[in-house]
C-alpha atoms as a PDB file:
ATOM      1  CA  MET A   1      13.159 -21.621 -20.514  1.00  0.00           C
ATOM      2  CA  GLY A   2      14.173 -21.583 -16.877  1.00  0.00           C
ATOM      3  CA  SER A   3      17.107 -19.851 -15.185  1.00  0.00           C
ATOM      4  CA  ASP A   4      19.014 -23.070 -15.404  1.00  0.00           C
ATOM      5  CA  SER A   5      21.326 -22.955 -18.397  1.00  0.00           C
ATOM      6  CA  SER A   6      22.656 -26.351 -18.298  1.00  0.00           C
ATOM      7  CA  GLY A   7      20.798 -28.881 -20.320  1.00  0.00           C
ATOM      8  CA  PRO A   8      20.181 -32.380 -19.647  1.00  0.00           C
ATOM      9  CA  GLY A   9      23.337 -34.563 -18.934  1.00  0.00           C
ATOM     10  CA  THR A  10      25.737 -31.690 -18.404  1.00  0.00           C
ATOM     11  CA  ALA A  11      25.420 -31.784 -14.612  1.00  0.00           C
ATOM     12  CA  ILE A  12      28.668 -31.404 -12.682  1.00  0.00           C
ATOM     13  CA  ARG A  13      29.911 -34.870 -11.851  1.00  0.00           C
ATOM     14  CA  PRO A  14      32.425 -35.708  -9.013  1.00  0.00           C
ATOM     15  CA  SER A  15      35.580 -36.843 -10.526  1.00  0.00           C
ATOM     16  CA  PRO A  16      36.392 -40.469  -9.612  1.00  0.00           C
ATOM     17  CA  LYS A  17      38.372 -41.120  -6.648  1.00  0.00           C
ATOM     18  CA  VAL A  18      42.314 -42.128  -7.569  1.00  0.00           C
ATOM     19  CA  TYR A  19      43.781 -44.806  -5.558  1.00  0.00           C
ATOM     20  CA  TYR A  20      47.775 -44.902  -5.381  1.00  0.00           C
ATOM     21  CA  PRO A  21      49.823 -48.046  -4.329  1.00  0.00           C
ATOM     22  CA  LEU A  22      51.323 -47.651  -0.758  1.00  0.00           C
ATOM     23  CA  MET A  23      54.765 -46.129  -1.706  1.00  0.00           C
ATOM     24  CA  THR A  24      57.276 -47.224   0.999  1.00  0.00           C
ATOM     25  CA  LYS A  25      60.974 -45.964   1.038  1.00  0.00           C
ATOM     26  CA  GLN A  26      62.099 -49.411   0.303  1.00  0.00           C
ATOM     27  CA  SER A  27      59.970 -49.450  -3.038  1.00  0.00           C
ATOM     28  CA  VAL A  28      61.228 -46.208  -3.993  1.00  0.00           C
ATOM     29  CA  ALA A  29      64.631 -47.091  -3.621  1.00  0.00           C
ATOM     30  CA  GLN A  30      64.291 -50.075  -5.462  1.00  0.00           C
ATOM     31  CA  LYS A  31      62.999 -48.229  -8.543  1.00  0.00           C
ATOM     32  CA  LYS A  32      65.856 -46.761 -10.395  1.00  0.00           C
ATOM     33  CA  LEU A  33      65.342 -44.537 -13.439  1.00  0.00           C
ATOM     34  CA  LYS A  34      66.502 -46.405 -16.337  1.00  0.00           C
ATOM     35  CA  VAL A  35      68.579 -44.245 -18.759  1.00  0.00           C
ATOM     36  CA  GLY A  36      70.221 -44.219 -21.992  1.00  0.00           C
ATOM     37  CA  TRP A  37      72.930 -41.605 -23.211  1.00  0.00           C
ATOM     38  CA  PHE A  38      73.202 -41.424 -26.978  1.00  0.00           C
ATOM     39  CA  SER A  39      75.946 -39.164 -28.839  1.00  0.00           C
ATOM     40  CA  PHE A  40      76.073 -38.294 -32.401  1.00  0.00           C
ATOM     41  CA  THR A  41      78.470 -36.317 -34.504  1.00  0.00           C
ATOM     42  CA  CYS A  42      79.429 -32.919 -33.336  1.00  0.00           C
ATOM     43  CA  CYS A  43      77.573 -33.196 -29.774  1.00  0.00           C
ATOM     44  CA  GLU A  44      80.350 -34.843 -27.740  1.00  0.00           C
ATOM     45  CA  ASP A  45      80.690 -31.418 -25.686  1.00  0.00           C
ATOM     46  CA  SER A  46      77.479 -32.604 -23.817  1.00  0.00           C
ATOM     47  CA  THR A  47      78.840 -36.013 -23.102  1.00  0.00           C
ATOM     48  CA  MET A  48      82.287 -34.636 -21.892  1.00  0.00           C
ATOM     49  CA  ILE A  49      80.117 -32.367 -19.391  1.00  0.00           C
ATOM     50  CA  TRP A  50      77.867 -35.522 -18.269  1.00  0.00           C
ATOM     51  CA  ILE A  51      81.065 -37.522 -17.433  1.00  0.00           C
ATOM     52  CA  GLU A  52      82.615 -34.833 -15.552  1.00  0.00           C
ATOM     53  CA  MET A  53      79.194 -34.418 -13.518  1.00  0.00           C
ATOM     54  CA  MET A  54      79.388 -38.379 -13.199  1.00  0.00           C
ATOM     55  CA  ASN A  55      83.059 -37.739 -11.702  1.00  0.00           C
ATOM     56  CA  GLN A  56      81.471 -35.616  -9.079  1.00  0.00           C
ATOM     57  CA  ARG A  57      78.212 -37.118  -8.241  1.00  0.00           C
ATOM     58  CA  PHE A  58      78.591 -40.836  -9.170  1.00  0.00           C
ATOM     59  CA  PHE A  59      77.819 -42.388  -5.890  1.00  0.00           C
ATOM     60  CA  GLU A  60      74.841 -40.248  -5.374  1.00  0.00           C
ATOM     61  CA  TRP A  61      73.521 -41.039  -8.766  1.00  0.00           C
ATOM     62  CA  LYS A  62      74.389 -44.763  -8.912  1.00  0.00           C
ATOM     63  CA  LYS A  63      71.424 -45.228  -6.162  1.00  0.00           C
ATOM     64  CA  LEU A  64      69.220 -43.394  -8.472  1.00  0.00           C
ATOM     65  CA  LEU A  65      70.040 -44.490 -11.990  1.00  0.00           C
ATOM     66  CA  GLU A  66      70.417 -47.519 -13.840  1.00  0.00           C
ATOM     67  CA  ILE A  67      72.468 -46.497 -16.915  1.00  0.00           C
ATOM     68  CA  ARG A  68      71.160 -48.992 -19.656  1.00  0.00           C
ATOM     69  CA  HIS A  69      72.921 -47.358 -22.762  1.00  0.00           C
ATOM     70  CA  ALA A  70      75.930 -45.198 -22.869  1.00  0.00           C
ATOM     71  CA  ARG A  71      78.664 -46.123 -25.423  1.00  0.00           C
ATOM     72  CA  VAL A  72      81.308 -43.876 -23.739  1.00  0.00           C
ATOM     73  CA  LEU A  73      80.923 -45.771 -20.563  1.00  0.00           C
ATOM     74  CA  GLN A  74      80.119 -49.493 -21.314  1.00  0.00           C
ATOM     75  CA  LYS A  75      80.797 -51.906 -23.888  1.00  0.00           C
ATOM     76  CA  HIS A  76      77.365 -53.854 -23.508  1.00  0.00           C
ATOM     77  CA  ASN A  77      74.264 -51.779 -23.874  1.00  0.00           C
ATOM     78  CA  ARG A  78      70.560 -52.442 -23.977  1.00  0.00           C
ATOM     79  CA  LEU A  79      67.935 -50.123 -25.502  1.00  0.00           C
ATOM     80  CA  ARG A  80      64.830 -51.819 -24.174  1.00  0.00           C
ATOM     81  CA  GLY A  81      62.899 -50.452 -21.265  1.00  0.00           C
ATOM     82  CA  LEU A  82      64.399 -46.932 -20.928  1.00  0.00           C
ATOM     83  CA  ASP A  83      62.758 -44.280 -19.085  1.00  0.00           C
ATOM     84  CA  VAL A  84      64.692 -41.402 -20.087  1.00  0.00           C
ATOM     85  CA  ALA A  85      66.909 -41.070 -23.427  1.00  0.00           C
ATOM     86  CA  PHE A  86      69.349 -38.243 -23.248  1.00  0.00           C
ATOM     87  CA  VAL A  87      70.228 -37.232 -26.932  1.00  0.00           C
END
């Protein structure tokens, strides 16, 4: 055997190039994170903390989040298409 310890087919191959779509400020601003907030028995304390945080940062977060499901905040909720679910 030679000094080459790699066998046939084990040569190091360059990784394929990855192309990302052009992200502009406008396209990033239009993409809001779709969130759902779920509260079960005995975990309302985290819900209250979240509501208090919303009182302080609502207008900042409104630009970034689309709240699709939160029974404590709205009557009509949607489950489909959530990016993040807080339980």
